[in-house]
Amino acid sequence: RTIVDGVNIARKIARHDPLAGKISEEFRPDQSLDMGDYEATLNWARSNSSSIYHPTGTCKMGDGPDAVVDAKLRVHGIEGLRVADCSIMPEIVSGNTNAPAIMIGEKASDLIRGL
């Protein structure tokens, strides 16, 4: 149930401003998946989920056109929203992501507190 709820919540968030204006198309699941069909969403999640051991990198940090957050972890174009997890790393590290995640969280804490 959690994965189905997560898929549906993510899709709803993506369909509202300010994100809706930044997303050109839905990649996975595509729009043909009926959000109201629990079994279809569950089947999609089961057939498309896997572990690839510490995946990272969907909210790249930087100031280029493909970057999502700036050096202060703020999401470009969305006031008051920061990302503070391993998804901000522009490159996937070769080791475990636990230490980088802790360091990112500590940095976010400092930034939010103004340190």
PDB file of N, CA and C in Angstrom:
ATOM      1  N   ARG A   1       0.822  -1.195   0.000  1.00  0.00           N
ATOM      2  CA  ARG A   1       0.000   0.000   0.000  1.00  0.00           C
ATOM      3  C   ARG A   1       0.870   1.265   0.000  1.00  0.00           C
ATOM      4  N   THR A   2       1.979   1.218   0.718  1.00  0.00           N
ATOM      5  CA  THR A   2       2.843   2.396   0.820  1.00  0.00           C
ATOM      6  C   THR A   2       3.388   2.809  -0.540  1.00  0.00           C
ATOM      7  N   ILE A   3       3.844   1.844  -1.332  1.00  0.00           N
ATOM      8  CA  ILE A   3       4.410   2.191  -2.643  1.00  0.00           C
ATOM      9  C   ILE A   3       3.336   2.754  -3.573  1.00  0.00           C
ATOM     10  N   VAL A   4       2.138   2.199  -3.525  1.00  0.00           N
ATOM     11  CA  VAL A   4       1.044   2.711  -4.359  1.00  0.00           C
ATOM     12  C   VAL A   4       0.706   4.141  -3.942  1.00  0.00           C
ATOM     13  N   ASP A   5       0.598   4.378  -2.639  1.00  0.00           N
ATOM     14  CA  ASP A   5       0.333   5.737  -2.158  1.00  0.00           C
ATOM     15  C   ASP A   5       1.446   6.690  -2.579  1.00  0.00           C
ATOM     16  N   GLY A   6       2.693   6.238  -2.477  1.00  0.00           N
ATOM     17  CA  GLY A   6       3.822   7.072  -2.867  1.00  0.00           C
ATOM     18  C   GLY A   6       3.797   7.441  -4.339  1.00  0.00           C
ATOM     19  N   VAL A   7       3.492   6.473  -5.192  1.00  0.00           N
ATOM     20  CA  VAL A   7       3.394   6.737  -6.634  1.00  0.00           C
ATOM     21  C   VAL A   7       2.295   7.761  -6.894  1.00  0.00           C
ATOM     22  N   ASN A   8       1.140   7.569  -6.279  1.00  0.00           N
ATOM     23  CA  ASN A   8       0.017   8.478  -6.510  1.00  0.00           C
ATOM     24  C   ASN A   8       0.280   9.876  -5.963  1.00  0.00           C
ATOM     25  N   ILE A   9       0.894   9.971  -4.802  1.00  0.00           N
ATOM     26  CA  ILE A   9       1.218  11.284  -4.238  1.00  0.00           C
ATOM     27  C   ILE A   9       2.225  12.013  -5.129  1.00  0.00           C
ATOM     28  N   ALA A  10       3.254  11.310  -5.574  1.00  0.00           N
ATOM     29  CA  ALA A  10       4.259  11.929  -6.444  1.00  0.00           C
ATOM     30  C   ALA A  10       3.626  12.430  -7.739  1.00  0.00           C
ATOM     31  N   ARG A  11       2.722  11.654  -8.308  1.00  0.00           N
ATOM     32  CA  ARG A  11       2.062  12.069  -9.549  1.00  0.00           C
ATOM     33  C   ARG A  11       1.185  13.293  -9.321  1.00  0.00           C
ATOM     34  N   LYS A  12       0.483  13.335  -8.195  1.00  0.00           N
ATOM     35  CA  LYS A  12      -0.365  14.498  -7.888  1.00  0.00           C
ATOM     36  C   LYS A  12       0.481  15.754  -7.694  1.00  0.00           C
ATOM     37  N   ILE A  13       1.582  15.631  -6.969  1.00  0.00           N
ATOM     38  CA  ILE A  13       2.465  16.780  -6.748  1.00  0.00           C
ATOM     39  C   ILE A  13       3.001  17.299  -8.079  1.00  0.00           C
ATOM     40  N   ALA A  14       3.388  16.399  -8.956  1.00  0.00           N
ATOM     41  CA  ALA A  14       3.972  16.789 -10.242  1.00  0.00           C
ATOM     42  C   ALA A  14       2.971  17.481 -11.159  1.00  0.00           C
ATOM     43  N   ARG A  15       1.693  17.287 -10.916  1.00  0.00           N
ATOM     44  CA  ARG A  15       0.661  17.884 -11.774  1.00  0.00           C
ATOM     45  C   ARG A  15       0.218  19.266 -11.315  1.00  0.00           C
ATOM     46  N   HIS A  16       0.800  19.778 -10.241  1.00  0.00           N
ATOM     47  CA  HIS A  16       0.429  21.091  -9.725  1.00  0.00           C
ATOM     48  C   HIS A  16       1.628  22.035  -9.774  1.00  0.00           C
ATOM     49  N   ASP A  17       1.314  23.323  -9.919  1.00  0.00           N
ATOM     50  CA  ASP A  17       2.371  24.330  -9.917  1.00  0.00           C
ATOM     51  C   ASP A  17       3.041  24.371  -8.562  1.00  0.00           C
ATOM     52  N   PRO A  18       4.306  24.687  -8.495  1.00  0.00           N
ATOM     53  CA  PRO A  18       5.144  25.146  -9.593  1.00  0.00           C
ATOM     54  C   PRO A  18       5.801  24.022 -10.395  1.00  0.00           C
ATOM     55  N   LEU A  19       5.659  22.757  -9.983  1.00  0.00           N
ATOM     56  CA  LEU A  19       6.326  21.673 -10.711  1.00  0.00           C
ATOM     57  C   LEU A  19       5.705  21.407 -12.074  1.00  0.00           C
ATOM     58  N   ALA A  20       4.394  21.550 -12.195  1.00  0.00           N
ATOM     59  CA  ALA A  20       3.724  21.212 -13.452  1.00  0.00           C
ATOM     60  C   ALA A  20       4.329  21.954 -14.639  1.00  0.00           C
ATOM     61  N   GLY A  21       4.733  23.192 -14.422  1.00  0.00           N
ATOM     62  CA  GLY A  21       5.319  23.977 -15.501  1.00  0.00           C
ATOM     63  C   GLY A  21       6.733  23.565 -15.866  1.00  0.00           C
ATOM     64  N   LYS A  22       7.346  22.736 -15.048  1.00  0.00           N
ATOM     65  CA  LYS A  22       8.731  22.315 -15.285  1.00  0.00           C
ATOM     66  C   LYS A  22       8.826  20.892 -15.825  1.00  0.00           C
ATOM     67  N   ILE A  23       7.715  20.180 -15.855  1.00  0.00           N
ATOM     68  CA  ILE A  23       7.714  18.780 -16.289  1.00  0.00           C
ATOM     69  C   ILE A  23       7.033  18.688 -17.643  1.00  0.00           C
ATOM     70  N   SER A  24       7.766  18.225 -18.641  1.00  0.00           N
ATOM     71  CA  SER A  24       7.205  18.171 -19.989  1.00  0.00           C
ATOM     72  C   SER A  24       6.407  16.901 -20.244  1.00  0.00           C
ATOM     73  N   GLU A  25       6.783  15.798 -19.593  1.00  0.00           N
ATOM     74  CA  GLU A  25       6.036  14.556 -19.762  1.00  0.00           C
ATOM     75  C   GLU A  25       6.322  13.616 -18.602  1.00  0.00           C
ATOM     76  N   GLU A  26       5.392  12.716 -18.387  1.00  0.00           N
ATOM     77  CA  GLU A  26       5.571  11.716 -17.346  1.00  0.00           C
ATOM     78  C   GLU A  26       6.277  10.520 -17.958  1.00  0.00           C
ATOM     79  N   PHE A  27       7.391  10.136 -17.350  1.00  0.00           N
ATOM     80  CA  PHE A  27       8.199   9.050 -17.893  1.00  0.00           C
ATOM     81  C   PHE A  27       7.794   7.706 -17.307  1.00  0.00           C
ATOM     82  N   ARG A  28       7.813   7.596 -15.983  1.00  0.00           N
ATOM     83  CA  ARG A  28       7.412   6.351 -15.320  1.00  0.00           C
ATOM     84  C   ARG A  28       6.616   6.669 -14.088  1.00  0.00           C
ATOM     85  N   PRO A  29       5.485   6.095 -13.869  1.00  0.00           N
ATOM     86  CA  PRO A  29       4.706   5.391 -14.882  1.00  0.00           C
ATOM     87  C   PRO A  29       4.168   6.393 -15.888  1.00  0.00           C
ATOM     88  N   ASP A  30       3.880   5.928 -17.089  1.00  0.00           N
ATOM     89  CA  ASP A  30       3.358   6.874 -18.065  1.00  0.00           C
ATOM     90  C   ASP A  30       1.896   7.189 -17.737  1.00  0.00           C
ATOM     91  N   GLN A  31       1.353   8.167 -18.424  1.00  0.00           N
ATOM     92  CA  GLN A  31       0.023   8.659 -18.087  1.00  0.00           C
ATOM     93  C   GLN A  31      -1.084   7.650 -18.328  1.00  0.00           C
ATOM     94  N   SER A  32      -0.796   6.555 -18.996  1.00  0.00           N
ATOM     95  CA  SER A  32      -1.836   5.550 -19.232  1.00  0.00           C
ATOM     96  C   SER A  32      -2.189   4.776 -17.967  1.00  0.00           C
ATOM     97  N   LEU A  33      -1.337   4.833 -16.949  1.00  0.00           N
ATOM     98  CA  LEU A  33      -1.631   4.140 -15.694  1.00  0.00           C
ATOM     99  C   LEU A  33      -2.670   4.942 -14.916  1.00  0.00           C
ATOM    100  N   ASP A  34      -3.802   4.327 -14.649  1.00  0.00           N
ATOM    101  CA  ASP A  34      -4.905   4.963 -13.930  1.00  0.00           C
ATOM    102  C   ASP A  34      -4.569   5.058 -12.446  1.00  0.00           C
ATOM    103  N   MET A  35      -4.448   6.285 -11.935  1.00  0.00           N
ATOM    104  CA  MET A  35      -4.094   6.478 -10.529  1.00  0.00           C
ATOM    105  C   MET A  35      -5.134   5.896  -9.584  1.00  0.00           C
ATOM    106  N   GLY A  36      -6.352   5.748 -10.033  1.00  0.00           N
ATOM    107  CA  GLY A  36      -7.397   5.203  -9.178  1.00  0.00           C
ATOM    108  C   GLY A  36      -7.427   3.690  -9.147  1.00  0.00           C
ATOM    109  N   ASP A  37      -6.657   3.049 -10.003  1.00  0.00           N
ATOM    110  CA  ASP A  37      -6.651   1.581 -10.075  1.00  0.00           C
ATOM    111  C   ASP A  37      -5.520   1.042  -9.203  1.00  0.00           C
ATOM    112  N   TYR A  38      -5.856   0.680  -7.970  1.00  0.00           N
ATOM    113  CA  TYR A  38      -4.868   0.217  -6.999  1.00  0.00           C
ATOM    114  C   TYR A  38      -4.092  -0.983  -7.526  1.00  0.00           C
ATOM    115  N   GLU A  39      -4.786  -1.991  -8.034  1.00  0.00           N
ATOM    116  CA  GLU A  39      -4.122  -3.217  -8.499  1.00  0.00           C
ATOM    117  C   GLU A  39      -3.180  -2.939  -9.660  1.00  0.00           C
ATOM    118  N   ALA A  40      -3.601  -2.091 -10.590  1.00  0.00           N
ATOM    119  CA  ALA A  40      -2.739  -1.765 -11.736  1.00  0.00           C
ATOM    120  C   ALA A  40      -1.481  -1.030 -11.268  1.00  0.00           C
ATOM    121  N   THR A  41      -1.642  -0.098 -10.328  1.00  0.00           N
ATOM    122  CA  THR A  41      -0.490   0.634  -9.805  1.00  0.00           C
ATOM    123  C   THR A  41       0.430  -0.294  -9.031  1.00  0.00           C
ATOM    124  N   LEU A  42      -0.145  -1.188  -8.233  1.00  0.00           N
ATOM    125  CA  LEU A  42       0.653  -2.158  -7.484  1.00  0.00           C
ATOM    126  C   LEU A  42       1.415  -3.074  -8.438  1.00  0.00           C
ATOM    127  N   ASN A  43       0.757  -3.557  -9.475  1.00  0.00           N
ATOM    128  CA  ASN A  43       1.426  -4.417 -10.456  1.00  0.00           C
ATOM    129  C   ASN A  43       2.545  -3.660 -11.168  1.00  0.00           C
ATOM    130  N   TRP A  44       2.300  -2.388 -11.509  1.00  0.00           N
ATOM    131  CA  TRP A  44       3.352  -1.588 -12.137  1.00  0.00           C
ATOM    132  C   TRP A  44       4.542  -1.466 -11.189  1.00  0.00           C
ATOM    133  N   ALA A  45       4.273  -1.151  -9.917  1.00  0.00           N
ATOM    134  CA  ALA A  45       5.351  -0.982  -8.938  1.00  0.00           C
ATOM    135  C   ALA A  45       6.136  -2.273  -8.756  1.00  0.00           C
ATOM    136  N   ARG A  46       5.445  -3.386  -8.679  1.00  0.00           N
ATOM    137  CA  ARG A  46       6.132  -4.672  -8.500  1.00  0.00           C
ATOM    138  C   ARG A  46       7.018  -5.010  -9.692  1.00  0.00           C
ATOM    139  N   SER A  47       6.562  -4.696 -10.879  1.00  0.00           N
ATOM    140  CA  SER A  47       7.343  -5.065 -12.065  1.00  0.00           C
ATOM    141  C   SER A  47       8.425  -4.038 -12.406  1.00  0.00           C
ATOM    142  N   ASN A  48       8.396  -2.874 -11.766  1.00  0.00           N
ATOM    143  CA  ASN A  48       9.370  -1.825 -12.077  1.00  0.00           C
ATOM    144  C   ASN A  48      10.265  -1.432 -10.912  1.00  0.00           C
ATOM    145  N   SER A  49      10.162  -2.131  -9.802  1.00  0.00           N
ATOM    146  CA  SER A  49      10.969  -1.802  -8.626  1.00  0.00           C
ATOM    147  C   SER A  49      12.103  -2.794  -8.453  1.00  0.00           C
ATOM    148  N   SER A  50      13.244  -2.271  -8.069  1.00  0.00           N
ATOM    149  CA  SER A  50      14.379  -3.129  -7.763  1.00  0.00           C
ATOM    150  C   SER A  50      15.389  -2.321  -6.959  1.00  0.00           C
ATOM    151  N   SER A  51      16.317  -3.006  -6.366  1.00  0.00           N
ATOM    152  CA  SER A  51      17.391  -2.336  -5.649  1.00  0.00           C
ATOM    153  C   SER A  51      18.639  -2.364  -6.515  1.00  0.00           C
ATOM    154  N   ILE A  52      19.271  -1.218  -6.613  1.00  0.00           N
ATOM    155  CA  ILE A  52      20.559  -1.195  -7.307  1.00  0.00           C
ATOM    156  C   ILE A  52      21.635  -0.705  -6.346  1.00  0.00           C
ATOM    157  N   TYR A  53      21.400  -0.981  -5.061  1.00  0.00           N
ATOM    158  CA  TYR A  53      22.407  -0.723  -4.048  1.00  0.00           C
ATOM    159  C   TYR A  53      22.803   0.747  -3.957  1.00  0.00           C
ATOM    160  N   HIS A  54      22.159   1.478  -3.127  1.00  0.00           N
ATOM    161  CA  HIS A  54      22.453   2.881  -2.853  1.00  0.00           C
ATOM    162  C   HIS A  54      22.343   3.784  -4.086  1.00  0.00           C
ATOM    163  N   PRO A  55      21.199   3.756  -4.774  1.00  0.00           N
ATOM    164  CA  PRO A  55      21.066   4.654  -5.921  1.00  0.00           C
ATOM    165  C   PRO A  55      20.998   6.112  -5.459  1.00  0.00           C
ATOM    166  N   THR A  56      21.516   6.992  -6.254  1.00  0.00           N
ATOM    167  CA  THR A  56      21.481   8.425  -5.949  1.00  0.00           C
ATOM    168  C   THR A  56      21.345   9.209  -7.239  1.00  0.00           C
ATOM    169  N   GLY A  57      21.053  10.484  -7.085  1.00  0.00           N
ATOM    170  CA  GLY A  57      21.177  11.390  -8.207  1.00  0.00           C
ATOM    171  C   GLY A  57      19.946  11.641  -9.032  1.00  0.00           C
ATOM    172  N   THR A  58      18.971  12.379  -8.504  1.00  0.00           N
ATOM    173  CA  THR A  58      17.861  12.832  -9.321  1.00  0.00           C
ATOM    174  C   THR A  58      17.619  14.323  -9.169  1.00  0.00           C
ATOM    175  N   CYS A  59      18.303  14.964  -8.249  1.00  0.00           N
ATOM    176  CA  CYS A  59      18.164  16.405  -7.996  1.00  0.00           C
ATOM    177  C   CYS A  59      19.538  17.061  -8.008  1.00  0.00           C
ATOM    178  N   LYS A  60      20.216  16.939  -9.098  1.00  0.00           N
ATOM    179  CA  LYS A  60      21.605  17.389  -9.218  1.00  0.00           C
ATOM    180  C   LYS A  60      21.819  18.811  -8.699  1.00  0.00           C
ATOM    181  N   MET A  61      22.911  18.983  -7.947  1.00  0.00           N
ATOM    182  CA  MET A  61      23.297  20.300  -7.459  1.00  0.00           C
ATOM    183  C   MET A  61      24.145  21.007  -8.510  1.00  0.00           C
ATOM    184  N   GLY A  62      23.893  22.282  -8.682  1.00  0.00           N
ATOM    185  CA  GLY A  62      24.690  23.078  -9.598  1.00  0.00           C
ATOM    186  C   GLY A  62      23.925  24.288 -10.083  1.00  0.00           C
ATOM    187  N   ASP A  63      24.500  24.978 -11.074  1.00  0.00           N
ATOM    188  CA  ASP A  63      23.807  26.132 -11.633  1.00  0.00           C
ATOM    189  C   ASP A  63      23.571  25.982 -13.131  1.00  0.00           C
ATOM    190  N   GLY A  64      23.816  24.802 -13.656  1.00  0.00           N
ATOM    191  CA  GLY A  64      23.560  24.540 -15.064  1.00  0.00           C
ATOM    192  C   GLY A  64      22.088  24.271 -15.333  1.00  0.00           C
ATOM    193  N   PRO A  65      21.722  24.143 -16.590  1.00  0.00           N
ATOM    194  CA  PRO A  65      20.312  23.943 -16.944  1.00  0.00           C
ATOM    195  C   PRO A  65      19.728  22.614 -16.455  1.00  0.00           C
ATOM    196  N   ASP A  66      20.585  21.637 -16.183  1.00  0.00           N
ATOM    197  CA  ASP A  66      20.082  20.347 -15.706  1.00  0.00           C
ATOM    198  C   ASP A  66      20.152  20.213 -14.186  1.00  0.00           C
ATOM    199  N   ALA A  67      20.559  21.263 -13.497  1.00  0.00           N
ATOM    200  CA  ALA A  67      20.665  21.230 -12.033  1.00  0.00           C
ATOM    201  C   ALA A  67      19.323  21.571 -11.399  1.00  0.00           C
ATOM    202  N   VAL A  68      19.034  20.926 -10.282  1.00  0.00           N
ATOM    203  CA  VAL A  68      17.772  21.120  -9.573  1.00  0.00           C
ATOM    204  C   VAL A  68      17.950  22.006  -8.347  1.00  0.00           C
ATOM    205  N   VAL A  69      19.082  21.842  -7.643  1.00  0.00           N
ATOM    206  CA  VAL A  69      19.319  22.626  -6.429  1.00  0.00           C
ATOM    207  C   VAL A  69      20.616  23.418  -6.542  1.00  0.00           C
ATOM    208  N   ASP A  70      20.678  24.520  -5.786  1.00  0.00           N
ATOM    209  CA  ASP A  70      21.901  25.318  -5.754  1.00  0.00           C
ATOM    210  C   ASP A  70      22.810  24.840  -4.623  1.00  0.00           C
ATOM    211  N   ALA A  71      23.921  25.530  -4.414  1.00  0.00           N
ATOM    212  CA  ALA A  71      24.904  25.119  -3.411  1.00  0.00           C
ATOM    213  C   ALA A  71      24.374  25.226  -1.980  1.00  0.00           C
ATOM    214  N   LYS A  72      23.258  25.919  -1.806  1.00  0.00           N
ATOM    215  CA  LYS A  72      22.629  26.002  -0.482  1.00  0.00           C
ATOM    216  C   LYS A  72      21.449  25.037  -0.372  1.00  0.00           C
ATOM    217  N   LEU A  73      21.384  24.082  -1.292  1.00  0.00           N
ATOM    218  CA  LEU A  73      20.389  23.007  -1.313  1.00  0.00           C
ATOM    219  C   LEU A  73      18.980  23.488  -1.621  1.00  0.00           C
ATOM    220  N   ARG A  74      18.836  24.718  -2.119  1.00  0.00           N
ATOM    221  CA  ARG A  74      17.531  25.283  -2.451  1.00  0.00           C
ATOM    222  C   ARG A  74      17.125  24.853  -3.855  1.00  0.00           C
ATOM    223  N   VAL A  75      15.880  24.443  -4.006  1.00  0.00           N
ATOM    224  CA  VAL A  75      15.370  24.040  -5.313  1.00  0.00           C
ATOM    225  C   VAL A  75      15.190  25.295  -6.161  1.00  0.00           C
ATOM    226  N   HIS A  76      15.785  25.283  -7.361  1.00  0.00           N
ATOM    227  CA  HIS A  76      15.684  26.428  -8.265  1.00  0.00           C
ATOM    228  C   HIS A  76      14.219  26.728  -8.565  1.00  0.00           C
ATOM    229  N   GLY A  77      13.820  27.970  -8.366  1.00  0.00           N
ATOM    230  CA  GLY A  77      12.488  28.410  -8.751  1.00  0.00           C
ATOM    231  C   GLY A  77      11.374  28.085  -7.771  1.00  0.00           C
ATOM    232  N   ILE A  78      11.687  27.458  -6.641  1.00  0.00           N
ATOM    233  CA  ILE A  78      10.647  27.135  -5.664  1.00  0.00           C
ATOM    234  C   ILE A  78      11.113  27.639  -4.299  1.00  0.00           C
ATOM    235  N   GLU A  79      10.543  28.742  -3.863  1.00  0.00           N
ATOM    236  CA  GLU A  79      10.965  29.363  -2.610  1.00  0.00           C
ATOM    237  C   GLU A  79      10.608  28.488  -1.409  1.00  0.00           C
ATOM    238  N   GLY A  80      11.558  28.353  -0.498  1.00  0.00           N
ATOM    239  CA  GLY A  80      11.317  27.643   0.757  1.00  0.00           C
ATOM    240  C   GLY A  80      11.468  26.138   0.689  1.00  0.00           C
ATOM    241  N   LEU A  81      11.922  25.601  -0.436  1.00  0.00           N
ATOM    242  CA  LEU A  81      12.078  24.151  -0.564  1.00  0.00           C
ATOM    243  C   LEU A  81      13.552  23.808  -0.763  1.00  0.00           C
ATOM    244  N   ARG A  82      14.035  22.888   0.047  1.00  0.00           N
ATOM    245  CA  ARG A  82      15.411  22.393  -0.075  1.00  0.00           C
ATOM    246  C   ARG A  82      15.380  20.880  -0.224  1.00  0.00           C
ATOM    247  N   VAL A  83      16.443  20.341  -0.798  1.00  0.00           N
ATOM    248  CA  VAL A  83      16.632  18.896  -0.874  1.00  0.00           C
ATOM    249  C   VAL A  83      17.887  18.583  -0.076  1.00  0.00           C
ATOM    250  N   ALA A  84      17.772  17.656   0.869  1.00  0.00           N
ATOM    251  CA  ALA A  84      18.897  17.356   1.758  1.00  0.00           C
ATOM    252  C   ALA A  84      19.113  15.856   1.846  1.00  0.00           C
ATOM    253  N   ASP A  85      19.359  15.235   0.708  1.00  0.00           N
ATOM    254  CA  ASP A  85      19.670  13.806   0.687  1.00  0.00           C
ATOM    255  C   ASP A  85      20.670  13.535  -0.432  1.00  0.00           C
ATOM    256  N   CYS A  86      21.008  12.295  -0.642  1.00  0.00           N
ATOM    257  CA  CYS A  86      22.041  11.948  -1.627  1.00  0.00           C
ATOM    258  C   CYS A  86      21.631  12.211  -3.070  1.00  0.00           C
ATOM    259  N   SER A  87      20.368  12.517  -3.313  1.00  0.00           N
ATOM    260  CA  SER A  87      19.961  12.793  -4.685  1.00  0.00           C
ATOM    261  C   SER A  87      20.609  14.052  -5.236  1.00  0.00           C
ATOM    262  N   ILE A  88      21.140  14.919  -4.385  1.00  0.00           N
ATOM    263  CA  ILE A  88      21.759  16.160  -4.865  1.00  0.00           C
ATOM    264  C   ILE A  88      23.153  15.958  -5.423  1.00  0.00           C
ATOM    265  N   MET A  89      23.747  14.812  -5.180  1.00  0.00           N
ATOM    266  CA  MET A  89      25.122  14.585  -5.640  1.00  0.00           C
ATOM    267  C   MET A  89      25.147  14.499  -7.163  1.00  0.00           C
ATOM    268  N   PRO A  90      25.950  15.349  -7.812  1.00  0.00           N
ATOM    269  CA  PRO A  90      25.977  15.345  -9.275  1.00  0.00           C
ATOM    270  C   PRO A  90      26.577  14.070  -9.869  1.00  0.00           C
ATOM    271  N   GLU A  91      27.366  13.363  -9.089  1.00  0.00           N
ATOM    272  CA  GLU A  91      27.956  12.093  -9.522  1.00  0.00           C
ATOM    273  C   GLU A  91      27.712  11.049  -8.438  1.00  0.00           C
ATOM    274  N   ILE A  92      27.483   9.818  -8.833  1.00  0.00           N
ATOM    275  CA  ILE A  92      27.276   8.740  -7.875  1.00  0.00           C
ATOM    276  C   ILE A  92      28.621   8.347  -7.279  1.00  0.00           C
ATOM    277  N   VAL A  93      28.673   8.268  -5.956  1.00  0.00           N
ATOM    278  CA  VAL A  93      29.918   7.883  -5.291  1.00  0.00           C
ATOM    279  C   VAL A  93      30.157   6.387  -5.470  1.00  0.00           C
ATOM    280  N   SER A  94      31.405   5.978  -5.363  1.00  0.00           N
ATOM    281  CA  SER A  94      31.727   4.566  -5.577  1.00  0.00           C
ATOM    282  C   SER A  94      31.550   3.729  -4.321  1.00  0.00           C
ATOM    283  N   GLY A  95      31.350   4.367  -3.183  1.00  0.00           N
ATOM    284  CA  GLY A  95      31.193   3.636  -1.927  1.00  0.00           C
ATOM    285  C   GLY A  95      29.798   3.784  -1.363  1.00  0.00           C
ATOM    286  N   ASN A  96      29.661   3.376  -0.130  1.00  0.00           N
ATOM    287  CA  ASN A  96      28.395   3.464   0.574  1.00  0.00           C
ATOM    288  C   ASN A  96      27.966   4.928   0.702  1.00  0.00           C
ATOM    289  N   THR A  97      26.669   5.178   0.635  1.00  0.00           N
ATOM    290  CA  THR A  97      26.162   6.549   0.680  1.00  0.00           C
ATOM    291  C   THR A  97      25.828   7.034   2.090  1.00  0.00           C
ATOM    292  N   ASN A  98      26.042   6.215   3.104  1.00  0.00           N
ATOM    293  CA  ASN A  98      25.689   6.620   4.463  1.00  0.00           C
ATOM    294  C   ASN A  98      26.444   7.871   4.915  1.00  0.00           C
ATOM    295  N   ALA A  99      27.758   7.885   4.800  1.00  0.00           N
ATOM    296  CA  ALA A  99      28.541   9.044   5.248  1.00  0.00           C
ATOM    297  C   ALA A  99      28.192  10.309   4.458  1.00  0.00           C
ATOM    298  N   PRO A 100      28.110  10.245   3.119  1.00  0.00           N
ATOM    299  CA  PRO A 100      27.703  11.454   2.401  1.00  0.00           C
ATOM    300  C   PRO A 100      26.312  11.941   2.806  1.00  0.00           C
ATOM    301  N   ALA A 101      25.385  11.020   3.064  1.00  0.00           N
ATOM    302  CA  ALA A 101      24.037  11.420   3.477  1.00  0.00           C
ATOM    303  C   ALA A 101      24.074  12.166   4.808  1.00  0.00           C
ATOM    304  N   ILE A 102      24.865  11.678   5.728  1.00  0.00           N
ATOM    305  CA  ILE A 102      25.003  12.343   7.026  1.00  0.00           C
ATOM    306  C   ILE A 102      25.615  13.731   6.842  1.00  0.00           C
ATOM    307  N   MET A 103      26.642  13.832   6.015  1.00  0.00           N
ATOM    308  CA  MET A 103      27.297  15.120   5.782  1.00  0.00           C
ATOM    309  C   MET A 103      26.343  16.113   5.122  1.00  0.00           C
ATOM    310  N   ILE A 104      25.550  15.655   4.172  1.00  0.00           N
ATOM    311  CA  ILE A 104      24.574  16.528   3.513  1.00  0.00           C
ATOM    312  C   ILE A 104      23.536  17.005   4.529  1.00  0.00           C
ATOM    313  N   GLY A 105      23.061  16.104   5.362  1.00  0.00           N
ATOM    314  CA  GLY A 105      22.100  16.480   6.397  1.00  0.00           C
ATOM    315  C   GLY A 105      22.664  17.496   7.373  1.00  0.00           C
ATOM    316  N   GLU A 106      23.908  17.311   7.766  1.00  0.00           N
ATOM    317  CA  GLU A 106      24.559  18.269   8.670  1.00  0.00           C
ATOM    318  C   GLU A 106      24.707  19.635   8.000  1.00  0.00           C
ATOM    319  N   LYS A 107      25.088  19.630   6.731  1.00  0.00           N
ATOM    320  CA  LYS A 107      25.220  20.892   5.993  1.00  0.00           C
ATOM    321  C   LYS A 107      23.866  21.581   5.877  1.00  0.00           C
ATOM    322  N   ALA A 108      22.820  20.819   5.590  1.00  0.00           N
ATOM    323  CA  ALA A 108      21.476  21.391   5.493  1.00  0.00           C
ATOM    324  C   ALA A 108      21.066  22.020   6.817  1.00  0.00           C
ATOM    325  N   SER A 109      21.363  21.336   7.897  1.00  0.00           N
ATOM    326  CA  SER A 109      21.051  21.866   9.226  1.00  0.00           C
ATOM    327  C   SER A 109      21.749  23.203   9.458  1.00  0.00           C
ATOM    328  N   ASP A 110      23.015  23.273   9.107  1.00  0.00           N
ATOM    329  CA  ASP A 110      23.768  24.525   9.254  1.00  0.00           C
ATOM    330  C   ASP A 110      23.175  25.634   8.383  1.00  0.00           C
ATOM    331  N   LEU A 111      22.824  25.306   7.146  1.00  0.00           N
ATOM    332  CA  LEU A 111      22.268  26.305   6.237  1.00  0.00           C
ATOM    333  C   LEU A 111      20.938  26.837   6.752  1.00  0.00           C
ATOM    334  N   ILE A 112      20.086  25.951   7.222  1.00  0.00           N
ATOM    335  CA  ILE A 112      18.770  26.358   7.711  1.00  0.00           C
ATOM    336  C   ILE A 112      18.901  27.232   8.957  1.00  0.00           C
ATOM    337  N   ARG A 113      19.855  26.899   9.809  1.00  0.00           N
ATOM    338  CA  ARG A 113      20.075  27.683  11.028  1.00  0.00           C
ATOM    339  C   ARG A 113      20.887  28.947  10.769  1.00  0.00           C
ATOM    340  N   GLY A 114      21.364  29.107   9.546  1.00  0.00           N
ATOM    341  CA  GLY A 114      22.114  30.305   9.191  1.00  0.00           C
ATOM    342  C   GLY A 114      23.550  30.311   9.651  1.00  0.00           C
ATOM    343  N   LEU A 115      24.120  29.127   9.840  1.00  0.00           N
ATOM    344  CA  LEU A 115      25.512  29.032  10.297  1.00  0.00           C
ATOM    345  C   LEU A 115      26.477  29.019   9.132  1.00  0.00           C
TER     346      LEU A 115
END
